[in-house]
Each structure stands twice: as C-alpha cells, then as structure tokens.
Amino acid sequence: LVNGDPAPNRPDLAPYGAGETSHKPMIAAVANAIHDATGVRLRRPPFRKERVLAALRAANV
C-alpha cells in the first residue's frame, strides 16, 4: 500500500528505496564486461562509446 506519490519530485531528498542497492554491483559488472571484451579498464561510469574508443586509442589497441 502506497500513501501518496511513490516517487515525489523532490531533488532535495537523497535517493531512497531498495532499488539503489543493486546499482554499484551492476556498474562493476558492466566495467568488467568492457574489460573482458576490449582489454581496457574504465574505472568510472558513464561507459559511453566515446570513452571506450578513447581508452582503446590510448592503449594502442
């Protein structure tokens, strides 16, 4: 039972809820998948195409 808006538009509030607990392991899994596929390690998101290509160029891959 939800009383009111379950996702109020309140930028002053910190994130809340159980869904946030899965974000950090998911980010690490994506980073590891990129490393496994390309051989380059990206240490922080976002994992955009441009950043992957720049890392590949920097590694001379």
PDB file of N, CA and C in Angstrom:
ATOM      1  N   LEU A   1       0.844  -1.166   0.000  1.00  0.00           N
ATOM      2  CA  LEU A   1       0.000   0.000   0.000  1.00  0.00           C
ATOM      3  C   LEU A   1       0.890   1.230   0.000  1.00  0.00           C
ATOM      4  N   VAL A   2       0.646   2.127  -0.929  1.00  0.00           N
ATOM      5  CA  VAL A   2       1.411   3.363  -1.025  1.00  0.00           C
ATOM      6  C   VAL A   2       0.484   4.517  -0.716  1.00  0.00           C
ATOM      7  N   ASN A   3       0.917   5.365   0.188  1.00  0.00           N
ATOM      8  CA  ASN A   3       0.143   6.533   0.560  1.00  0.00           C
ATOM      9  C   ASN A   3       0.797   7.742  -0.091  1.00  0.00           C
ATOM     10  N   GLY A   4       0.232   8.233  -1.168  1.00  0.00           N
ATOM     11  CA  GLY A   4       0.795   9.375  -1.863  1.00  0.00           C
ATOM     12  C   GLY A   4       1.649   8.940  -3.042  1.00  0.00           C
ATOM     13  N   ASP A   5       2.415   9.864  -3.566  1.00  0.00           N
ATOM     14  CA  ASP A   5       3.257   9.617  -4.727  1.00  0.00           C
ATOM     15  C   ASP A   5       4.471   8.793  -4.316  1.00  0.00           C
ATOM     16  N   PRO A   6       4.686   7.613  -4.917  1.00  0.00           N
ATOM     17  CA  PRO A   6       5.836   6.800  -4.527  1.00  0.00           C
ATOM     18  C   PRO A   6       7.161   7.384  -5.007  1.00  0.00           C
ATOM     19  N   ALA A   7       7.127   8.310  -5.956  1.00  0.00           N
ATOM     20  CA  ALA A   7       8.351   8.929  -6.469  1.00  0.00           C
ATOM     21  C   ALA A   7       8.155  10.437  -6.559  1.00  0.00           C
ATOM     22  N   PRO A   8       8.142  11.120  -5.426  1.00  0.00           N
ATOM     23  CA  PRO A   8       7.898  12.561  -5.467  1.00  0.00           C
ATOM     24  C   PRO A   8       9.041  13.286  -6.173  1.00  0.00           C
ATOM     25  N   ASN A   9       8.721  14.395  -6.813  1.00  0.00           N
ATOM     26  CA  ASN A   9       9.730  15.205  -7.483  1.00  0.00           C
ATOM     27  C   ASN A   9      10.361  16.117  -6.443  1.00  0.00           C
ATOM     28  N   ARG A  10      11.320  15.572  -5.692  1.00  0.00           N
ATOM     29  CA  ARG A  10      11.972  16.302  -4.604  1.00  0.00           C
ATOM     30  C   ARG A  10      13.483  16.200  -4.750  1.00  0.00           C
ATOM     31  N   PRO A  11      14.113  17.075  -5.538  1.00  0.00           N
ATOM     32  CA  PRO A  11      15.562  16.991  -5.722  1.00  0.00           C
ATOM     33  C   PRO A  11      16.359  17.220  -4.438  1.00  0.00           C
ATOM     34  N   ASP A  12      15.718  17.765  -3.409  1.00  0.00           N
ATOM     35  CA  ASP A  12      16.417  17.989  -2.145  1.00  0.00           C
ATOM     36  C   ASP A  12      16.546  16.715  -1.322  1.00  0.00           C
ATOM     37  N   LEU A  13      15.817  15.651  -1.706  1.00  0.00           N
ATOM     38  CA  LEU A  13      15.884  14.388  -0.979  1.00  0.00           C
ATOM     39  C   LEU A  13      16.931  13.471  -1.594  1.00  0.00           C
ATOM     40  N   ALA A  14      17.592  12.708  -0.749  1.00  0.00           N
ATOM     41  CA  ALA A  14      18.550  11.713  -1.235  1.00  0.00           C
ATOM     42  C   ALA A  14      17.796  10.548  -1.875  1.00  0.00           C
ATOM     43  N   PRO A  15      18.460   9.761  -2.727  1.00  0.00           N
ATOM     44  CA  PRO A  15      17.805   8.583  -3.292  1.00  0.00           C
ATOM     45  C   PRO A  15      17.364   7.646  -2.170  1.00  0.00           C
ATOM     46  N   TYR A  16      16.311   6.929  -2.426  1.00  0.00           N
ATOM     47  CA  TYR A  16      15.790   6.030  -1.408  1.00  0.00           C
ATOM     48  C   TYR A  16      15.198   4.802  -2.067  1.00  0.00           C
ATOM     49  N   GLY A  17      15.016   3.784  -1.287  1.00  0.00           N
ATOM     50  CA  GLY A  17      14.387   2.567  -1.776  1.00  0.00           C
ATOM     51  C   GLY A  17      15.389   1.445  -1.931  1.00  0.00           C
ATOM     52  N   ALA A  18      14.878   0.251  -2.137  1.00  0.00           N
ATOM     53  CA  ALA A  18      15.728  -0.930  -2.244  1.00  0.00           C
ATOM     54  C   ALA A  18      16.421  -1.028  -3.589  1.00  0.00           C
ATOM     55  N   GLY A  19      15.918  -0.345  -4.605  1.00  0.00           N
ATOM     56  CA  GLY A  19      16.495  -0.456  -5.940  1.00  0.00           C
ATOM     57  C   GLY A  19      17.911   0.069  -6.045  1.00  0.00           C
ATOM     58  N   GLU A  20      18.276   1.036  -5.226  1.00  0.00           N
ATOM     59  CA  GLU A  20      19.610   1.613  -5.306  1.00  0.00           C
ATOM     60  C   GLU A  20      20.694   0.632  -4.883  1.00  0.00           C
ATOM     61  N   THR A  21      20.353  -0.388  -4.119  1.00  0.00           N
ATOM     62  CA  THR A  21      21.378  -1.321  -3.641  1.00  0.00           C
ATOM     63  C   THR A  21      21.995  -2.127  -4.766  1.00  0.00           C
ATOM     64  N   SER A  22      21.316  -2.253  -5.878  1.00  0.00           N
ATOM     65  CA  SER A  22      21.855  -3.054  -6.980  1.00  0.00           C
ATOM     66  C   SER A  22      22.699  -2.244  -7.947  1.00  0.00           C
ATOM     67  N   HIS A  23      22.764  -0.940  -7.822  1.00  0.00           N
ATOM     68  CA  HIS A  23      23.473  -0.113  -8.797  1.00  0.00           C
ATOM     69  C   HIS A  23      24.974  -0.333  -8.790  1.00  0.00           C
ATOM     70  N   LYS A  24      25.608  -0.334  -7.635  1.00  0.00           N
ATOM     71  CA  LYS A  24      27.066  -0.452  -7.599  1.00  0.00           C
ATOM     72  C   LYS A  24      27.551  -1.793  -8.128  1.00  0.00           C
ATOM     73  N   PRO A  25      26.972  -2.921  -7.733  1.00  0.00           N
ATOM     74  CA  PRO A  25      27.430  -4.188  -8.324  1.00  0.00           C
ATOM     75  C   PRO A  25      27.181  -4.243  -9.829  1.00  0.00           C
ATOM     76  N   MET A  26      26.105  -3.643 -10.296  1.00  0.00           N
ATOM     77  CA  MET A  26      25.814  -3.643 -11.729  1.00  0.00           C
ATOM     78  C   MET A  26      26.852  -2.824 -12.483  1.00  0.00           C
ATOM     79  N   ILE A  27      27.257  -1.683 -11.927  1.00  0.00           N
ATOM     80  CA  ILE A  27      28.273  -0.850 -12.566  1.00  0.00           C
ATOM     81  C   ILE A  27      29.587  -1.618 -12.666  1.00  0.00           C
ATOM     82  N   ALA A  28      29.968  -2.316 -11.606  1.00  0.00           N
ATOM     83  CA  ALA A  28      31.195  -3.111 -11.628  1.00  0.00           C
ATOM     84  C   ALA A  28      31.103  -4.227 -12.658  1.00  0.00           C
ATOM     85  N   ALA A  29      29.944  -4.853 -12.778  1.00  0.00           N
ATOM     86  CA  ALA A  29      29.768  -5.925 -13.759  1.00  0.00           C
ATOM     87  C   ALA A  29      29.915  -5.402 -15.182  1.00  0.00           C
ATOM     88  N   VAL A  30      29.358  -4.231 -15.457  1.00  0.00           N
ATOM     89  CA  VAL A  30      29.486  -3.640 -16.796  1.00  0.00           C
ATOM     90  C   VAL A  30      30.948  -3.278 -17.064  1.00  0.00           C
ATOM     91  N   ALA A  31      31.624  -2.690 -16.079  1.00  0.00           N
ATOM     92  CA  ALA A  31      33.039  -2.338 -16.244  1.00  0.00           C
ATOM     93  C   ALA A  31      33.873  -3.583 -16.522  1.00  0.00           C
ATOM     94  N   ASN A  32      33.606  -4.672 -15.807  1.00  0.00           N
ATOM     95  CA  ASN A  32      34.338  -5.915 -16.038  1.00  0.00           C
ATOM     96  C   ASN A  32      34.029  -6.506 -17.403  1.00  0.00           C
ATOM     97  N   ALA A  33      32.806  -6.395 -17.856  1.00  0.00           N
ATOM     98  CA  ALA A  33      32.445  -6.898 -19.186  1.00  0.00           C
ATOM     99  C   ALA A  33      33.173  -6.113 -20.273  1.00  0.00           C
ATOM    100  N   ILE A  34      33.272  -4.801 -20.108  1.00  0.00           N
ATOM    101  CA  ILE A  34      34.016  -3.985 -21.075  1.00  0.00           C
ATOM    102  C   ILE A  34      35.483  -4.394 -21.067  1.00  0.00           C
ATOM    103  N   HIS A  35      36.046  -4.603 -19.888  1.00  0.00           N
ATOM    104  CA  HIS A  35      37.444  -5.023 -19.791  1.00  0.00           C
ATOM    105  C   HIS A  35      37.651  -6.388 -20.448  1.00  0.00           C
ATOM    106  N   ASP A  36      36.767  -7.320 -20.183  1.00  0.00           N
ATOM    107  CA  ASP A  36      36.878  -8.653 -20.789  1.00  0.00           C
ATOM    108  C   ASP A  36      36.791  -8.586 -22.307  1.00  0.00           C
ATOM    109  N   ALA A  37      35.946  -7.718 -22.820  1.00  0.00           N
ATOM    110  CA  ALA A  37      35.735  -7.637 -24.267  1.00  0.00           C
ATOM    111  C   ALA A  37      36.828  -6.853 -24.981  1.00  0.00           C
ATOM    112  N   THR A  38      37.409  -5.854 -24.305  1.00  0.00           N
ATOM    113  CA  THR A  38      38.327  -4.949 -25.003  1.00  0.00           C
ATOM    114  C   THR A  38      39.753  -4.984 -24.478  1.00  0.00           C
ATOM    115  N   GLY A  39      39.931  -5.388 -23.245  1.00  0.00           N
ATOM    116  CA  GLY A  39      41.253  -5.361 -22.635  1.00  0.00           C
ATOM    117  C   GLY A  39      41.597  -4.037 -21.984  1.00  0.00           C
ATOM    118  N   VAL A  40      40.712  -3.062 -22.048  1.00  0.00           N
ATOM    119  CA  VAL A  40      40.951  -1.777 -21.379  1.00  0.00           C
ATOM    120  C   VAL A  40      40.024  -1.657 -20.180  1.00  0.00           C
ATOM    121  N   ARG A  41      40.540  -1.004 -19.146  1.00  0.00           N
ATOM    122  CA  ARG A  41      39.783  -0.866 -17.904  1.00  0.00           C
ATOM    123  C   ARG A  41      39.280   0.562 -17.778  1.00  0.00           C
ATOM    124  N   LEU A  42      37.968   0.718 -17.686  1.00  0.00           N
ATOM    125  CA  LEU A  42      37.353   2.015 -17.388  1.00  0.00           C
ATOM    126  C   LEU A  42      37.015   2.004 -15.905  1.00  0.00           C
ATOM    127  N   ARG A  43      37.500   2.986 -15.180  1.00  0.00           N
ATOM    128  CA  ARG A  43      37.376   2.993 -13.720  1.00  0.00           C
ATOM    129  C   ARG A  43      36.118   3.677 -13.203  1.00  0.00           C
ATOM    130  N   ARG A  44      35.439   4.465 -14.046  1.00  0.00           N
ATOM    131  CA  ARG A  44      34.237   5.144 -13.550  1.00  0.00           C
ATOM    132  C   ARG A  44      33.229   5.319 -14.682  1.00  0.00           C
ATOM    133  N   PRO A  45      31.949   5.248 -14.355  1.00  0.00           N
ATOM    134  CA  PRO A  45      30.923   5.487 -15.371  1.00  0.00           C
ATOM    135  C   PRO A  45      30.851   6.972 -15.685  1.00  0.00           C
ATOM    136  N   PRO A  46      30.241   7.363 -16.736  1.00  0.00           N
ATOM    137  CA  PRO A  46      29.451   6.570 -17.676  1.00  0.00           C
ATOM    138  C   PRO A  46      30.355   5.856 -18.679  1.00  0.00           C
ATOM    139  N   PHE A  47      29.926   4.691 -19.118  1.00  0.00           N
ATOM    140  CA  PHE A  47      30.679   3.878 -20.062  1.00  0.00           C
ATOM    141  C   PHE A  47      30.141   4.133 -21.466  1.00  0.00           C
ATOM    142  N   ARG A  48      30.387   5.319 -21.949  1.00  0.00           N
ATOM    143  CA  ARG A  48      29.889   5.696 -23.277  1.00  0.00           C
ATOM    144  C   ARG A  48      30.854   5.239 -24.354  1.00  0.00           C
ATOM    145  N   LYS A  49      30.321   5.119 -25.554  1.00  0.00           N
ATOM    146  CA  LYS A  49      31.113   4.671 -26.697  1.00  0.00           C
ATOM    147  C   LYS A  49      32.369   5.521 -26.866  1.00  0.00           C
ATOM    148  N   GLU A  50      32.243   6.819 -26.723  1.00  0.00           N
ATOM    149  CA  GLU A  50      33.370   7.722 -26.917  1.00  0.00           C
ATOM    150  C   GLU A  50      34.487   7.448 -25.916  1.00  0.00           C
ATOM    151  N   ARG A  51      34.115   7.164 -24.682  1.00  0.00           N
ATOM    152  CA  ARG A  51      35.122   6.884 -23.654  1.00  0.00           C
ATOM    153  C   ARG A  51      35.808   5.555 -23.903  1.00  0.00           C
ATOM    154  N   VAL A  52      35.047   4.562 -24.342  1.00  0.00           N
ATOM    155  CA  VAL A  52      35.647   3.257 -24.648  1.00  0.00           C
ATOM    156  C   VAL A  52      36.616   3.405 -25.810  1.00  0.00           C
ATOM    157  N   LEU A  53      36.205   4.103 -26.861  1.00  0.00           N
ATOM    158  CA  LEU A  53      37.084   4.294 -28.019  1.00  0.00           C
ATOM    159  C   LEU A  53      38.333   5.086 -27.641  1.00  0.00           C
ATOM    160  N   ALA A  54      38.197   6.102 -26.810  1.00  0.00           N
ATOM    161  CA  ALA A  54      39.358   6.878 -26.373  1.00  0.00           C
ATOM    162  C   ALA A  54      40.315   6.008 -25.562  1.00  0.00           C
ATOM    163  N   ALA A  55      39.782   5.152 -24.713  1.00  0.00           N
ATOM    164  CA  ALA A  55      40.631   4.252 -23.925  1.00  0.00           C
ATOM    165  C   ALA A  55      41.339   3.248 -24.826  1.00  0.00           C
ATOM    166  N   LEU A  56      40.644   2.768 -25.850  1.00  0.00           N
ATOM    167  CA  LEU A  56      41.271   1.847 -26.805  1.00  0.00           C
ATOM    168  C   LEU A  56      42.401   2.542 -27.559  1.00  0.00           C
ATOM    169  N   ARG A  57      42.166   3.775 -27.981  1.00  0.00           N
ATOM    170  CA  ARG A  57      43.217   4.530 -28.683  1.00  0.00           C
ATOM    171  C   ARG A  57      44.414   4.775 -27.768  1.00  0.00           C
ATOM    172  N   ALA A  58      44.157   5.138 -26.526  1.00  0.00           N
ATOM    173  CA  ALA A  58      45.239   5.407 -25.575  1.00  0.00           C
ATOM    174  C   ALA A  58      46.060   4.150 -25.291  1.00  0.00           C
ATOM    175  N   ALA A  59      45.415   2.992 -25.348  1.00  0.00           N
ATOM    176  CA  ALA A  59      46.107   1.727 -25.102  1.00  0.00           C
ATOM    177  C   ALA A  59      46.710   1.150 -26.376  1.00  0.00           C
ATOM    178  N   ASN A  60      46.546   1.853 -27.496  1.00  0.00           N
ATOM    179  CA  ASN A  60      47.027   1.375 -28.805  1.00  0.00           C
ATOM    180  C   ASN A  60      46.474  -0.003 -29.151  1.00  0.00           C
ATOM    181  N   VAL A  61      45.203  -0.190 -28.867  1.00  0.00           N
ATOM    182  CA  VAL A  61      44.548  -1.473 -29.174  1.00  0.00           C
ATOM    183  C   VAL A  61      43.849  -1.366 -30.506  1.00  0.00           C
TER     184      VAL A  61
END
